[in-house]
Amino acid sequence: MASSNKNLKIFAMVVAVLLICAVGYIGYGFYAQAKVQKEISVFQQGAQYGYEQGIIQVAQQAATCQQVPLNIGNETVNVIGVDCLSAPA
């Protein structure tokens, strides 16, 4: 009887340790996934901010009646504000 009780305690201890390890592993997986999603979100917000700032700068420079050269691949397009164009007389 004492041997059976001792084996049961050892078995319960092993099961408890394995359960703790499994919960830790699963918890770490959720943590790592949340961390990656946060990093992706920050990257996307930074990219969006950069796009917005680029468009704002082009619009501001075009509004000063100066040509703004935009390079698209191998082609260059000059942009100027419509208000800067003189109406035909």
PDB file of N, CA and C in Angstrom:
ATOM      1  N   MET A   1       0.809  -1.191   0.000  1.00  0.00           N
ATOM      2  CA  MET A   1       0.000   0.000   0.000  1.00  0.00           C
ATOM      3  C   MET A   1       0.859   1.264   0.000  1.00  0.00           C
ATOM      4  N   ALA A   2       1.902   1.286   0.793  1.00  0.00           N
ATOM      5  CA  ALA A   2       2.748   2.465   0.883  1.00  0.00           C
ATOM      6  C   ALA A   2       3.448   2.712  -0.440  1.00  0.00           C
ATOM      7  N   SER A   3       3.841   1.655  -1.116  1.00  0.00           N
ATOM      8  CA  SER A   3       4.508   1.788  -2.410  1.00  0.00           C
ATOM      9  C   SER A   3       3.545   2.333  -3.459  1.00  0.00           C
ATOM     10  N   SER A   4       2.286   1.870  -3.390  1.00  0.00           N
ATOM     11  CA  SER A   4       1.275   2.336  -4.331  1.00  0.00           C
ATOM     12  C   SER A   4       0.976   3.817  -4.103  1.00  0.00           C
ATOM     13  N   ASN A   5       0.907   4.231  -2.855  1.00  0.00           N
ATOM     14  CA  ASN A   5       0.642   5.623  -2.517  1.00  0.00           C
ATOM     15  C   ASN A   5       1.801   6.518  -2.961  1.00  0.00           C
ATOM     16  N   LYS A   6       3.039   6.008  -2.793  1.00  0.00           N
ATOM     17  CA  LYS A   6       4.224   6.761  -3.199  1.00  0.00           C
ATOM     18  C   LYS A   6       4.251   6.915  -4.721  1.00  0.00           C
ATOM     19  N   ASN A   7       3.909   5.842  -5.438  1.00  0.00           N
ATOM     20  CA  ASN A   7       3.870   5.914  -6.899  1.00  0.00           C
ATOM     21  C   ASN A   7       2.794   6.889  -7.386  1.00  0.00           C
ATOM     22  N   LEU A   8       1.675   6.926  -6.689  1.00  0.00           N
ATOM     23  CA  LEU A   8       0.593   7.838  -7.047  1.00  0.00           C
ATOM     24  C   LEU A   8       1.025   9.288  -6.848  1.00  0.00           C
ATOM     25  N   LYS A   9       1.759   9.568  -5.767  1.00  0.00           N
ATOM     26  CA  LYS A   9       2.260  10.922  -5.524  1.00  0.00           C
ATOM     27  C   LYS A   9       3.263  11.333  -6.600  1.00  0.00           C
ATOM     28  N   ILE A  10       4.136  10.412  -6.972  1.00  0.00           N
ATOM     29  CA  ILE A  10       5.126  10.703  -8.020  1.00  0.00           C
ATOM     30  C   ILE A  10       4.413  10.964  -9.348  1.00  0.00           C
ATOM     31  N   PHE A  11       3.409  10.148  -9.643  1.00  0.00           N
ATOM     32  CA  PHE A  11       2.637  10.331 -10.872  1.00  0.00           C
ATOM     33  C   PHE A  11       1.923  11.687 -10.879  1.00  0.00           C
ATOM     34  N   ALA A  12       1.327  12.050  -9.741  1.00  0.00           N
ATOM     35  CA  ALA A  12       0.632  13.334  -9.632  1.00  0.00           C
ATOM     36  C   ALA A  12       1.608  14.490  -9.790  1.00  0.00           C
ATOM     37  N   MET A  13       2.802  14.350  -9.236  1.00  0.00           N
ATOM     38  CA  MET A  13       3.820  15.391  -9.353  1.00  0.00           C
ATOM     39  C   MET A  13       4.259  15.547 -10.808  1.00  0.00           C
ATOM     40  N   VAL A  14       4.475  14.442 -11.502  1.00  0.00           N
ATOM     41  CA  VAL A  14       4.881  14.483 -12.914  1.00  0.00           C
ATOM     42  C   VAL A  14       3.784  15.122 -13.753  1.00  0.00           C
ATOM     43  N   VAL A  15       2.537  14.750 -13.502  1.00  0.00           N
ATOM     44  CA  VAL A  15       1.414  15.328 -14.248  1.00  0.00           C
ATOM     45  C   VAL A  15       1.326  16.832 -13.979  1.00  0.00           C
ATOM     46  N   ALA A  16       1.519  17.256 -12.731  1.00  0.00           N
ATOM     47  CA  ALA A  16       1.457  18.680 -12.395  1.00  0.00           C
ATOM     48  C   ALA A  16       2.566  19.457 -13.112  1.00  0.00           C
ATOM     49  N   VAL A  17       3.776  18.902 -13.122  1.00  0.00           N
ATOM     50  CA  VAL A  17       4.893  19.569 -13.796  1.00  0.00           C
ATOM     51  C   VAL A  17       4.622  19.667 -15.296  1.00  0.00           C
ATOM     52  N   LEU A  18       4.119  18.586 -15.889  1.00  0.00           N
ATOM     53  CA  LEU A  18       3.805  18.613 -17.320  1.00  0.00           C
ATOM     54  C   LEU A  18       2.690  19.616 -17.619  1.00  0.00           C
ATOM     55  N   LEU A  19       1.716  19.704 -16.752  1.00  0.00           N
ATOM     56  CA  LEU A  19       0.623  20.664 -16.938  1.00  0.00           C
ATOM     57  C   LEU A  19       1.141  22.092 -16.867  1.00  0.00           C
ATOM     58  N   ILE A  20       2.012  22.351 -15.906  1.00  0.00           N
ATOM     59  CA  ILE A  20       2.601  23.693 -15.789  1.00  0.00           C
ATOM     60  C   ILE A  20       3.413  24.026 -17.039  1.00  0.00           C
ATOM     61  N   CYS A  21       4.179  23.077 -17.535  1.00  0.00           N
ATOM     62  CA  CYS A  21       4.964  23.298 -18.749  1.00  0.00           C
ATOM     63  C   CYS A  21       4.066  23.563 -19.953  1.00  0.00           C
ATOM     64  N   ALA A  22       2.976  22.807 -20.071  1.00  0.00           N
ATOM     65  CA  ALA A  22       2.052  22.985 -21.199  1.00  0.00           C
ATOM     66  C   ALA A  22       1.390  24.354 -21.146  1.00  0.00           C
ATOM     67  N   VAL A  23       0.953  24.777 -19.968  1.00  0.00           N
ATOM     68  CA  VAL A  23       0.321  26.091 -19.822  1.00  0.00           C
ATOM     69  C   VAL A  23       1.331  27.200 -20.136  1.00  0.00           C
ATOM     70  N   GLY A  24       2.551  27.040 -19.676  1.00  0.00           N
ATOM     71  CA  GLY A  24       3.597  28.021 -19.979  1.00  0.00           C
ATOM     72  C   GLY A  24       3.887  28.107 -21.465  1.00  0.00           C
ATOM     73  N   TYR A  25       3.956  26.970 -22.118  1.00  0.00           N
ATOM     74  CA  TYR A  25       4.229  26.932 -23.564  1.00  0.00           C
ATOM     75  C   TYR A  25       3.106  27.603 -24.344  1.00  0.00           C
ATOM     76  N   ILE A  26       1.871  27.295 -23.990  1.00  0.00           N
ATOM     77  CA  ILE A  26       0.720  27.898 -24.672  1.00  0.00           C
ATOM     78  C   ILE A  26       0.668  29.402 -24.393  1.00  0.00           C
ATOM     79  N   GLY A  27       0.921  29.790 -23.164  1.00  0.00           N
ATOM     80  CA  GLY A  27       0.936  31.213 -22.814  1.00  0.00           C
ATOM     81  C   GLY A  27       2.004  31.971 -23.574  1.00  0.00           C
ATOM     82  N   TYR A  28       3.182  31.380 -23.697  1.00  0.00           N
ATOM     83  CA  TYR A  28       4.256  32.022 -24.455  1.00  0.00           C
ATOM     84  C   TYR A  28       3.869  32.166 -25.922  1.00  0.00           C
ATOM     85  N   GLY A  29       3.170  31.178 -26.474  1.00  0.00           N
ATOM     86  CA  GLY A  29       2.718  31.259 -27.864  1.00  0.00           C
ATOM     87  C   GLY A  29       1.774  32.423 -28.077  1.00  0.00           C
ATOM     88  N   PHE A  30       0.830  32.607 -27.161  1.00  0.00           N
ATOM     89  CA  PHE A  30      -0.088  33.748 -27.252  1.00  0.00           C
ATOM     90  C   PHE A  30       0.653  35.064 -27.108  1.00  0.00           C
ATOM     91  N   TYR A  31       1.614  35.118 -26.183  1.00  0.00           N
ATOM     92  CA  TYR A  31       2.406  36.332 -25.976  1.00  0.00           C
ATOM     93  C   TYR A  31       3.199  36.682 -27.234  1.00  0.00           C
ATOM     94  N   ALA A  32       3.844  35.686 -27.828  1.00  0.00           N
ATOM     95  CA  ALA A  32       4.656  35.937 -29.021  1.00  0.00           C
ATOM     96  C   ALA A  32       3.775  36.415 -30.178  1.00  0.00           C
ATOM     97  N   GLN A  33       2.603  35.819 -30.328  1.00  0.00           N
ATOM     98  CA  GLN A  33       1.694  36.231 -31.401  1.00  0.00           C
ATOM     99  C   GLN A  33       1.214  37.666 -31.183  1.00  0.00           C
ATOM    100  N   ALA A  34       0.880  38.020 -29.973  1.00  0.00           N
ATOM    101  CA  ALA A  34       0.431  39.383 -29.673  1.00  0.00           C
ATOM    102  C   ALA A  34       1.550  40.394 -29.921  1.00  0.00           C
ATOM    103  N   LYS A  35       2.777  40.010 -29.592  1.00  0.00           N
ATOM    104  CA  LYS A  35       3.915  40.897 -29.803  1.00  0.00           C
ATOM    105  C   LYS A  35       4.142  41.143 -31.296  1.00  0.00           C
ATOM    106  N   VAL A  36       4.043  40.106 -32.109  1.00  0.00           N
ATOM    107  CA  VAL A  36       4.218  40.250 -33.557  1.00  0.00           C
ATOM    108  C   VAL A  36       3.113  41.122 -34.139  1.00  0.00           C
ATOM    109  N   GLN A  37       1.880  40.922 -33.699  1.00  0.00           N
ATOM    110  CA  GLN A  37       0.774  41.734 -34.199  1.00  0.00           C
ATOM    111  C   GLN A  37       0.954  43.199 -33.831  1.00  0.00           C
ATOM    112  N   LYS A  38       1.465  43.471 -32.647  1.00  0.00           N
ATOM    113  CA  LYS A  38       1.719  44.852 -32.236  1.00  0.00           C
ATOM    114  C   LYS A  38       2.806  45.474 -33.108  1.00  0.00           C
ATOM    115  N   GLU A  39       3.876  44.719 -33.385  1.00  0.00           N
ATOM    116  CA  GLU A  39       4.956  45.230 -34.224  1.00  0.00           C
ATOM    117  C   GLU A  39       4.457  45.516 -35.636  1.00  0.00           C
ATOM    118  N   ILE A  40       3.614  44.654 -36.177  1.00  0.00           N
ATOM    119  CA  ILE A  40       3.056  44.872 -37.509  1.00  0.00           C
ATOM    120  C   ILE A  40       2.189  46.125 -37.511  1.00  0.00           C
ATOM    121  N   SER A  41       1.401  46.303 -36.464  1.00  0.00           N
ATOM    122  CA  SER A  41       0.533  47.481 -36.361  1.00  0.00           C
ATOM    123  C   SER A  41       1.362  48.758 -36.320  1.00  0.00           C
ATOM    124  N   VAL A  42       2.430  48.766 -35.541  1.00  0.00           N
ATOM    125  CA  VAL A  42       3.298  49.943 -35.453  1.00  0.00           C
ATOM    126  C   VAL A  42       3.946  50.221 -36.806  1.00  0.00           C
ATOM    127  N   PHE A  43       4.394  49.184 -37.494  1.00  0.00           N
ATOM    128  CA  PHE A  43       5.002  49.350 -38.814  1.00  0.00           C
ATOM    129  C   PHE A  43       4.001  49.937 -39.793  1.00  0.00           C
ATOM    130  N   GLN A  44       2.765  49.435 -39.798  1.00  0.00           N
ATOM    131  CA  GLN A  44       1.742  49.944 -40.709  1.00  0.00           C
ATOM    132  C   GLN A  44       1.394  51.396 -40.399  1.00  0.00           C
ATOM    133  N   GLN A  45       1.331  51.739 -39.120  1.00  0.00           N
ATOM    134  CA  GLN A  45       1.047  53.127 -38.752  1.00  0.00           C
ATOM    135  C   GLN A  45       2.167  54.049 -39.217  1.00  0.00           C
ATOM    136  N   GLY A  46       3.402  53.603 -39.089  1.00  0.00           N
ATOM    137  CA  GLY A  46       4.543  54.401 -39.546  1.00  0.00           C
ATOM    138  C   GLY A  46       4.541  54.584 -41.047  1.00  0.00           C
ATOM    139  N   ALA A  47       4.227  53.535 -41.773  1.00  0.00           N
ATOM    140  CA  ALA A  47       4.159  53.627 -43.232  1.00  0.00           C
ATOM    141  C   ALA A  47       3.047  54.582 -43.646  1.00  0.00           C
ATOM    142  N   GLN A  48       1.890  54.479 -43.013  1.00  0.00           N
ATOM    143  CA  GLN A  48       0.766  55.373 -43.327  1.00  0.00           C
ATOM    144  C   GLN A  48       1.140  56.828 -43.056  1.00  0.00           C
ATOM    145  N   TYR A  49       1.805  57.073 -41.952  1.00  0.00           N
ATOM    146  CA  TYR A  49       2.241  58.433 -41.619  1.00  0.00           C
ATOM    147  C   TYR A  49       3.216  58.948 -42.671  1.00  0.00           C
ATOM    148  N   GLY A  50       4.133  58.102 -43.100  1.00  0.00           N
ATOM    149  CA  GLY A  50       5.095  58.508 -44.128  1.00  0.00           C
ATOM    150  C   GLY A  50       4.422  58.851 -45.444  1.00  0.00           C
ATOM    151  N   TYR A  51       3.441  58.038 -45.851  1.00  0.00           N
ATOM    152  CA  TYR A  51       2.702  58.326 -47.083  1.00  0.00           C
ATOM    153  C   TYR A  51       1.982  59.666 -46.975  1.00  0.00           C
ATOM    154  N   GLU A  52       1.328  59.888 -45.842  1.00  0.00           N
ATOM    155  CA  GLU A  52       0.590  61.138 -45.637  1.00  0.00           C
ATOM    156  C   GLU A  52       1.529  62.335 -45.697  1.00  0.00           C
ATOM    157  N   GLN A  53       2.669  62.234 -45.028  1.00  0.00           N
ATOM    158  CA  GLN A  53       3.611  63.350 -45.021  1.00  0.00           C
ATOM    159  C   GLN A  53       4.158  63.622 -46.424  1.00  0.00           C
ATOM    160  N   GLY A  54       4.398  62.576 -47.199  1.00  0.00           N
ATOM    161  CA  GLY A  54       4.881  62.756 -48.570  1.00  0.00           C
ATOM    162  C   GLY A  54       3.859  63.487 -49.430  1.00  0.00           C
ATOM    163  N   ILE A  55       2.609  63.094 -49.329  1.00  0.00           N
ATOM    164  CA  ILE A  55       1.553  63.742 -50.105  1.00  0.00           C
ATOM    165  C   ILE A  55       1.384  65.198 -49.659  1.00  0.00           C
ATOM    166  N   ILE A  56       1.437  65.440 -48.361  1.00  0.00           N
ATOM    167  CA  ILE A  56       1.302  66.809 -47.843  1.00  0.00           C
ATOM    168  C   ILE A  56       2.431  67.683 -48.373  1.00  0.00           C
ATOM    169  N   GLN A  57       3.652  67.180 -48.366  1.00  0.00           N
ATOM    170  CA  GLN A  57       4.788  67.966 -48.849  1.00  0.00           C
ATOM    171  C   GLN A  57       4.676  68.262 -50.339  1.00  0.00           C
ATOM    172  N   VAL A  58       4.226  67.291 -51.121  1.00  0.00           N
ATOM    173  CA  VAL A  58       4.049  67.528 -52.561  1.00  0.00           C
ATOM    174  C   VAL A  58       2.981  68.587 -52.779  1.00  0.00           C
ATOM    175  N   ALA A  59       1.859  68.492 -52.058  1.00  0.00           N
ATOM    176  CA  ALA A  59       0.774  69.460 -52.213  1.00  0.00           C
ATOM    177  C   ALA A  59       1.224  70.855 -51.782  1.00  0.00           C
ATOM    178  N   GLN A  60       1.972  70.953 -50.701  1.00  0.00           N
ATOM    179  CA  GLN A  60       2.440  72.256 -50.230  1.00  0.00           C
ATOM    180  C   GLN A  60       3.401  72.890 -51.228  1.00  0.00           C
ATOM    181  N   GLN A  61       4.291  72.101 -51.793  1.00  0.00           N
ATOM    182  CA  GLN A  61       5.246  72.652 -52.756  1.00  0.00           C
ATOM    183  C   GLN A  61       4.545  73.018 -54.057  1.00  0.00           C
ATOM    184  N   ALA A  62       3.583  72.219 -54.471  1.00  0.00           N
ATOM    185  CA  ALA A  62       2.849  72.531 -55.706  1.00  0.00           C
ATOM    186  C   ALA A  62       2.019  73.799 -55.526  1.00  0.00           C
ATOM    187  N   ALA A  63       1.538  74.064 -54.334  1.00  0.00           N
ATOM    188  CA  ALA A  63       0.731  75.262 -54.076  1.00  0.00           C
ATOM    189  C   ALA A  63       1.564  76.533 -54.140  1.00  0.00           C
ATOM    190  N   THR A  64       2.896  76.439 -54.085  1.00  0.00           N
ATOM    191  CA  THR A  64       3.764  77.621 -54.178  1.00  0.00           C
ATOM    192  C   THR A  64       4.077  77.966 -55.623  1.00  0.00           C
ATOM    193  N   CYS A  65       3.355  77.364 -56.547  1.00  0.00           N
ATOM    194  CA  CYS A  65       3.513  77.594 -57.993  1.00  0.00           C
ATOM    195  C   CYS A  65       4.883  77.166 -58.511  1.00  0.00           C
ATOM    196  N   GLN A  66       5.478  76.182 -57.867  1.00  0.00           N
ATOM    197  CA  GLN A  66       6.717  75.586 -58.352  1.00  0.00           C
ATOM    198  C   GLN A  66       6.407  74.184 -58.839  1.00  0.00           C
ATOM    199  N   GLN A  67       7.113  73.784 -59.887  1.00  0.00           N
ATOM    200  CA  GLN A  67       6.925  72.424 -60.378  1.00  0.00           C
ATOM    201  C   GLN A  67       7.512  71.446 -59.366  1.00  0.00           C
ATOM    202  N   VAL A  68       6.824  70.358 -59.193  1.00  0.00           N
ATOM    203  CA  VAL A  68       7.289  69.304 -58.295  1.00  0.00           C
ATOM    204  C   VAL A  68       7.524  68.067 -59.158  1.00  0.00           C
ATOM    205  N   PRO A  69       8.784  67.692 -59.359  1.00  0.00           N
ATOM    206  CA  PRO A  69       9.042  66.496 -60.172  1.00  0.00           C
ATOM    207  C   PRO A  69       8.784  65.215 -59.361  1.00  0.00           C
ATOM    208  N   LEU A  70       7.969  64.346 -59.922  1.00  0.00           N
ATOM    209  CA  LEU A  70       7.696  63.046 -59.314  1.00  0.00           C
ATOM    210  C   LEU A  70       8.238  61.972 -60.233  1.00  0.00           C
ATOM    211  N   ASN A  71       9.102  61.131 -59.711  1.00  0.00           N
ATOM    212  CA  ASN A  71       9.674  60.037 -60.490  1.00  0.00           C
ATOM    213  C   ASN A  71       8.859  58.771 -60.249  1.00  0.00           C
ATOM    214  N   ILE A  72       8.320  58.228 -61.335  1.00  0.00           N
ATOM    215  CA  ILE A  72       7.542  57.000 -61.273  1.00  0.00           C
ATOM    216  C   ILE A  72       8.221  56.017 -62.212  1.00  0.00           C
ATOM    217  N   GLY A  73       8.971  55.118 -61.642  1.00  0.00           N
ATOM    218  CA  GLY A  73       9.737  54.181 -62.461  1.00  0.00           C
ATOM    219  C   GLY A  73      10.801  54.950 -63.240  1.00  0.00           C
ATOM    220  N   ASN A  74      10.781  54.830 -64.547  1.00  0.00           N
ATOM    221  CA  ASN A  74      11.731  55.544 -65.407  1.00  0.00           C
ATOM    222  C   ASN A  74      11.148  56.837 -65.949  1.00  0.00           C
ATOM    223  N   GLU A  75       9.989  57.218 -65.508  1.00  0.00           N
ATOM    224  CA  GLU A  75       9.298  58.386 -66.035  1.00  0.00           C
ATOM    225  C   GLU A  75       9.218  59.469 -64.969  1.00  0.00           C
ATOM    226  N   THR A  76       9.365  60.723 -65.385  1.00  0.00           N
ATOM    227  CA  THR A  76       9.252  61.857 -64.478  1.00  0.00           C
ATOM    228  C   THR A  76       8.018  62.660 -64.853  1.00  0.00           C
ATOM    229  N   VAL A  77       7.204  62.974 -63.868  1.00  0.00           N
ATOM    230  CA  VAL A  77       5.999  63.775 -64.073  1.00  0.00           C
ATOM    231  C   VAL A  77       6.154  65.035 -63.241  1.00  0.00           C
ATOM    232  N   ASN A  78       5.917  66.193 -63.856  1.00  0.00           N
ATOM    233  CA  ASN A  78       5.979  67.464 -63.126  1.00  0.00           C
ATOM    234  C   ASN A  78       4.574  67.862 -62.711  1.00  0.00           C
ATOM    235  N   VAL A  79       4.419  68.165 -61.431  1.00  0.00           N
ATOM    236  CA  VAL A  79       3.119  68.525 -60.874  1.00  0.00           C
ATOM    237  C   VAL A  79       3.176  69.989 -60.460  1.00  0.00           C
ATOM    238  N   ILE A  80       2.070  70.701 -60.705  1.00  0.00           N
ATOM    239  CA  ILE A  80       1.959  72.093 -60.291  1.00  0.00           C
ATOM    240  C   ILE A  80       0.510  72.332 -59.880  1.00  0.00           C
ATOM    241  N   GLY A  81       0.306  73.253 -58.985  1.00  0.00           N
ATOM    242  CA  GLY A  81      -1.043  73.552 -58.525  1.00  0.00           C
ATOM    243  C   GLY A  81      -1.883  74.139 -59.643  1.00  0.00           C
ATOM    244  N   VAL A  82      -3.150  73.740 -59.734  1.00  0.00           N
ATOM    245  CA  VAL A  82      -4.036  74.226 -60.786  1.00  0.00           C
ATOM    246  C   VAL A  82      -4.266  75.721 -60.660  1.00  0.00           C
ATOM    247  N   ASP A  83      -4.296  76.232 -59.448  1.00  0.00           N
ATOM    248  CA  ASP A  83      -4.512  77.664 -59.242  1.00  0.00           C
ATOM    249  C   ASP A  83      -3.366  78.492 -59.794  1.00  0.00           C
ATOM    250  N   CYS A  84      -2.217  77.875 -60.031  1.00  0.00           N
ATOM    251  CA  CYS A  84      -1.048  78.591 -60.519  1.00  0.00           C
ATOM    252  C   CYS A  84      -1.059  78.752 -62.039  1.00  0.00           C
ATOM    253  N   LEU A  85      -1.874  78.015 -62.713  1.00  0.00           N
ATOM    254  CA  LEU A  85      -1.945  78.105 -64.171  1.00  0.00           C
ATOM    255  C   LEU A  85      -2.712  79.356 -64.561  1.00  0.00           C
ATOM    256  N   SER A  86      -2.174  80.062 -65.538  1.00  0.00           N
ATOM    257  CA  SER A  86      -2.871  81.285 -65.978  1.00  0.00           C
ATOM    258  C   SER A  86      -3.919  80.908 -67.007  1.00  0.00           C
ATOM    259  N   ALA A  87      -5.051  81.581 -66.913  1.00  0.00           N
ATOM    260  CA  ALA A  87      -6.150  81.315 -67.841  1.00  0.00           C
ATOM    261  C   ALA A  87      -5.812  81.902 -69.199  1.00  0.00           C
ATOM    262  N   PRO A  88      -6.179  81.218 -70.286  1.00  0.00           N
ATOM    263  CA  PRO A  88      -5.896  81.772 -71.616  1.00  0.00           C
ATOM    264  C   PRO A  88      -6.663  83.069 -71.833  1.00  0.00           C
ATOM    265  N   ALA A  89      -5.992  84.049 -72.421  1.00  0.00           N
ATOM    266  CA  ALA A  89      -6.614  85.365 -72.619  1.00  0.00           C
ATOM    267  C   ALA A  89      -7.357  85.426 -73.922  1.00  0.00           C
TER     268      ALA A  89
END
